[in-house]
Amino acid sequence: MDRSDNERGGGRLFQRRRPCRFCLEKAPIDFKDAGLLRNFLTERGRIVPRRISGNCMRHQRELTVAVKRARHIAIISFAEER
């Protein structure tokens, strides 16, 4: 019983991980910078996961805290209107 990789689900293409934008640019994550934070939110207002955004673990955590702070003081909205 010889099955190809695609039938078993193991034939996925491996894509190289994106380097962390904040590590490369040495840019600080500031909760007052709404334009920067919106790059890491979906249309519905959710925080984009690390595997998609390409952030390292440290900067993803900092980004999450910054988004939550900005939401709390109403710089960015919790959810977008439909």
C-alpha atoms as a PDB file:
ATOM      1  CA  MET A   1       0.000   0.000   0.000  1.00  0.00           C
ATOM      2  CA  ASP A   2       2.111   2.845  -1.338  1.00  0.00           C
ATOM      3  CA  ARG A   3       0.578   6.290  -0.843  1.00  0.00           C
ATOM      4  CA  SER A   4       2.020   9.591  -1.926  1.00  0.00           C
ATOM      5  CA  ASP A   5       2.838  12.402   0.507  1.00  0.00           C
ATOM      6  CA  ASN A   6      -0.124  14.475  -0.614  1.00  0.00           C
ATOM      7  CA  GLU A   7      -2.624  11.761   0.303  1.00  0.00           C
ATOM      8  CA  ARG A   8      -1.242  11.513   3.834  1.00  0.00           C
ATOM      9  CA  GLY A   9      -1.145  15.263   4.285  1.00  0.00           C
ATOM     10  CA  GLY A  10       2.630  15.360   4.652  1.00  0.00           C
ATOM     11  CA  GLY A  11       3.338  17.094   1.357  1.00  0.00           C
ATOM     12  CA  ARG A  12       3.160  20.632   2.672  1.00  0.00           C
ATOM     13  CA  LEU A  13       5.671  23.100   1.376  1.00  0.00           C
ATOM     14  CA  PHE A  14       8.001  24.502   4.001  1.00  0.00           C
ATOM     15  CA  GLN A  15       8.231  28.273   3.986  1.00  0.00           C
ATOM     16  CA  ARG A  16      11.092  30.096   5.612  1.00  0.00           C
ATOM     17  CA  ARG A  17      10.141  32.045   8.776  1.00  0.00           C
ATOM     18  CA  ARG A  18       9.929  35.765   8.321  1.00  0.00           C
ATOM     19  CA  PRO A  19      12.501  37.670  10.401  1.00  0.00           C
ATOM     20  CA  CYS A  20      11.146  39.768  13.247  1.00  0.00           C
ATOM     21  CA  ARG A  21      10.538  43.324  12.056  1.00  0.00           C
ATOM     22  CA  PHE A  22      11.323  44.820  15.449  1.00  0.00           C
ATOM     23  CA  CYS A  23      14.606  42.910  15.832  1.00  0.00           C
ATOM     24  CA  LEU A  24      15.806  44.032  12.391  1.00  0.00           C
ATOM     25  CA  GLU A  25      14.840  47.701  12.647  1.00  0.00           C
ATOM     26  CA  LYS A  26      15.506  48.023  16.402  1.00  0.00           C
ATOM     27  CA  ALA A  27      12.218  49.923  16.515  1.00  0.00           C
ATOM     28  CA  PRO A  28      10.498  50.315  19.883  1.00  0.00           C
ATOM     29  CA  ILE A  29       6.913  49.153  20.309  1.00  0.00           C
ATOM     30  CA  ASP A  30       4.897  52.102  21.591  1.00  0.00           C
ATOM     31  CA  PHE A  31       1.240  51.806  22.569  1.00  0.00           C
ATOM     32  CA  LYS A  32       0.657  55.408  21.426  1.00  0.00           C
ATOM     33  CA  ASP A  33       1.621  54.569  17.822  1.00  0.00           C
ATOM     34  CA  ALA A  34      -1.779  53.488  16.487  1.00  0.00           C
ATOM     35  CA  GLY A  35      -0.562  53.160  12.885  1.00  0.00           C
ATOM     36  CA  LEU A  36       2.081  50.604  13.841  1.00  0.00           C
ATOM     37  CA  LEU A  37      -0.322  48.608  16.004  1.00  0.00           C
ATOM     38  CA  ARG A  38      -2.994  48.482  13.274  1.00  0.00           C
ATOM     39  CA  ASN A  39      -0.532  46.594  11.033  1.00  0.00           C
ATOM     40  CA  PHE A  40      -0.788  43.710  13.511  1.00  0.00           C
ATOM     41  CA  LEU A  41      -4.585  43.650  13.805  1.00  0.00           C
ATOM     42  CA  THR A  42      -7.109  41.963  11.520  1.00  0.00           C
ATOM     43  CA  GLU A  43     -10.074  43.805  10.019  1.00  0.00           C
ATOM     44  CA  ARG A  44     -12.160  42.588  12.938  1.00  0.00           C
ATOM     45  CA  GLY A  45      -9.696  43.916  15.501  1.00  0.00           C
ATOM     46  CA  ARG A  46      -7.997  40.687  16.526  1.00  0.00           C
ATOM     47  CA  ILE A  47      -4.255  40.501  17.156  1.00  0.00           C
ATOM     48  CA  VAL A  48      -2.465  38.667  14.325  1.00  0.00           C
ATOM     49  CA  PRO A  49      -0.710  35.495  15.572  1.00  0.00           C
ATOM     50  CA  ARG A  50       3.050  35.248  15.726  1.00  0.00           C
ATOM     51  CA  ARG A  51       3.335  32.569  13.034  1.00  0.00           C
ATOM     52  CA  ILE A  52       1.631  34.895  10.546  1.00  0.00           C
ATOM     53  CA  SER A  53       3.113  38.258  11.573  1.00  0.00           C
ATOM     54  CA  GLY A  54       6.661  36.885  11.789  1.00  0.00           C
ATOM     55  CA  ASN A  55       7.436  38.459  15.159  1.00  0.00           C
ATOM     56  CA  CYS A  56       9.749  36.798  17.642  1.00  0.00           C
ATOM     57  CA  MET A  57       8.260  35.663  20.942  1.00  0.00           C
ATOM     58  CA  ARG A  58       9.572  38.616  22.925  1.00  0.00           C
ATOM     59  CA  HIS A  59       8.276  41.247  20.528  1.00  0.00           C
ATOM     60  CA  GLN A  60       4.924  39.481  20.051  1.00  0.00           C
ATOM     61  CA  ARG A  61       4.382  39.673  23.812  1.00  0.00           C
ATOM     62  CA  GLU A  62       5.358  43.360  23.856  1.00  0.00           C
ATOM     63  CA  LEU A  63       3.045  44.007  20.922  1.00  0.00           C
ATOM     64  CA  THR A  64       0.149  42.259  22.672  1.00  0.00           C
ATOM     65  CA  VAL A  65       0.624  44.357  25.807  1.00  0.00           C
ATOM     66  CA  ALA A  66       0.840  47.538  23.700  1.00  0.00           C
ATOM     67  CA  VAL A  67      -2.386  46.687  21.824  1.00  0.00           C
ATOM     68  CA  LYS A  68      -4.207  45.987  25.085  1.00  0.00           C
ATOM     69  CA  ARG A  69      -2.981  49.266  26.587  1.00  0.00           C
ATOM     70  CA  ALA A  70      -4.028  51.206  23.483  1.00  0.00           C
ATOM     71  CA  ARG A  71      -7.462  49.581  23.593  1.00  0.00           C
ATOM     72  CA  HIS A  72      -7.857  50.385  27.267  1.00  0.00           C
ATOM     73  CA  ILE A  73      -7.261  54.106  26.776  1.00  0.00           C
ATOM     74  CA  ALA A  74      -9.275  54.144  23.505  1.00  0.00           C
ATOM     75  CA  ILE A  75      -6.467  54.828  21.023  1.00  0.00           C
ATOM     76  CA  ILE A  76      -7.604  51.833  18.989  1.00  0.00           C
ATOM     77  CA  SER A  77     -10.990  50.134  19.122  1.00  0.00           C
ATOM     78  CA  PHE A  78     -11.668  46.716  20.605  1.00  0.00           C
ATOM     79  CA  ALA A  79     -13.579  45.599  17.499  1.00  0.00           C
ATOM     80  CA  GLU A  80     -14.314  47.179  14.151  1.00  0.00           C
ATOM     81  CA  GLU A  81     -17.848  48.121  13.205  1.00  0.00           C
ATOM     82  CA  ARG A  82     -19.558  45.991  10.589  1.00  0.00           C
END
